[in-house]
Amino acid sequence: MFLALSGGAVIAQSSQQGQAAPGMSAAQTQVLAEQVFQAALADRLAAVIAAESAEFADRMAILYLSDGSGPDWRAEVMRIHDPARVSGLLLGALQTRLAGNPVAAARLRALLGPTGVTAATDGRGLELAARMQLARPATLAATARRLEGDLARGTPELAAIARIMRQGDPVTERLAARMNRDIAFARGFAEGGGFDFPTASEDVAADLWMQEPELVAEITARSELALYAAFVPLGAAAIDHIATARTMPRARAVSAILALAEGDVLDQLAAESGRAAARRHEGSPL
C-alpha cells in the first residue's frame, strides 16, 4: 500500500551490537560500518537530521496536536533527535544492514578498500552543509528567492543541477522515506493512546497517497533548493564533475546503504516522537 524504503522493523540501537555479515566476523562488520559511516559523512547527516527536527515537529503538530506546535514541543522532538544519539543510531543501523546483506557488505568492503579513506568528490559535505543552513526559515526563504530569480534567467548552473536530479530518481526515494516516517509517527501516536478511535497504518498510507502530487512537488522543490544552495557557487563545470562522481560505483553503493540505514533511524525517531505527541495529547507532562 505504501513505499517501504526501510524494508523492515524499526531498529533499536541496543539490538545492533555483535551482528556480523556471513563470511565476516562481528568485528569486521563493525569496522566496515565505521568506514561507511565516515565515507557517508554520517556524523554531519546526524546533525542535519537534528537541525531539521523542528520543521518535522511543526508539521506533525499541525496534524496531531490540537494546540499546535511550540517551543516545548520542538524541544522534546529535538531531544529525541539529539545529534549524538542520531549518530550512534546511524552507525548501529549501518552495521545491522551490512550484517543482513552479505552481498552488499562484500561489495562495499571491496570498493572502500582497507581504510575506506578517499578524496571526496561527490559534494556530499557541501549538500549537507546547505541543508543545515536551510533548516533556518529565514535562510530558506532568502535562498528560494535567489533560486526563483535564477530560474527566470535559466542559468547553466541550474541546467547542471537538473542533470543531478535526474540521476537515480532521488525524489521517489525521498517520497518513500517521507511516507514511511509519517506512518511511523502515526504508529507511535496510536501506541501511546493518542487516537480516540482505532486506526491502521493502511489508513494513514491511503491518506498520504491522496497527497502524493503535493508531496512530490514539495520534495522536488526542497531537493533542488539544497543542491542550488550547495553547488551553484561552484559553476556548471564543477557541478557536472560532481554529477559524474555520484554515478561511480563507490558513491552509489555508499549512498544506497546509507539511505536504508537512515530510513530505519528516521522511522524509529518518528515513532518515538509520535509517542511523545500522544503523551502531550493526553495532557501528561512531556
Foldseek 3Di string as FASTA:
>chain_A
DAQALLPDAQDDLVPQQFFAAVVGGSVRLLLLLVLLCVLLVVLLVLVLQLLLQLVVQQVVQVVFPPVGDDDVLSVVLSVLSPSVVLSSLLSSLLSVLCNVDVVLVVVLCVVCDDNNDDDDQQLSVLLSVLSSQCSDVVSVVVLVVVVVVCVVVVDLQLVLLVLLCPPPVVLVLVLRLVLLLVLLLVVLLVVLVRDPDDDDSVVSRVVVVVCVVVSSVVSVVVSSSSCCSRPVVVPNVSSNSSSVVCPDPNNVSSVSSSSNSVSSSSSVSSSVSSSVSSCVSVVHDD
